[in-house]
Amino acid sequence: QVQLVESGGGLVQAGGSLRLSCAGSGRTFSNYHTGWFRQAPGKEREFVGAISRSGVSRVYADSVKGRFTISRDNAKNTVYLQMNSLKAEDTAVYYCAATRTWTTAEAMAVILYDSWGQGTQVTVSS
């Protein structure tokens, strides 16, 4: 498994932007497809978006499409989540996760991912 550490969370006003980072270590990060998930208090963990290990394929949840962008820099072993036009309902703990087996059709499945970070809090004030 690869070890993952998220950073970049914080408090932002509605309409603002944040960029989260997910740093991977312990294995060859470029061999892993990476997803972003979030969990708000009292709610289930939900899919935000994912990127293939090469960075060619990306998939997003409808709720963030057009506002969030996932990218990766394999030379830095890091995946990014750029979040623009943030809304109060984006408030959650954001997690990155990694898997070696992945298709765009399966990317939303929590069970697919076997490595998880500790999460970073994003709070959007309205």
Foldseek 3Di string as FASTA:
>chain_A
DKAKAKDWADEEAAQAKTKMKIAIDDDQLLLKKKFKWWDDPPDDIWGAKIAHSVRPDIDGDPVQPPFWDWGDDSVRRMIMIIGGRDDQVVWTWMKMFIANDDDNVCRGDPVRTDYIYPTDTHGYHD
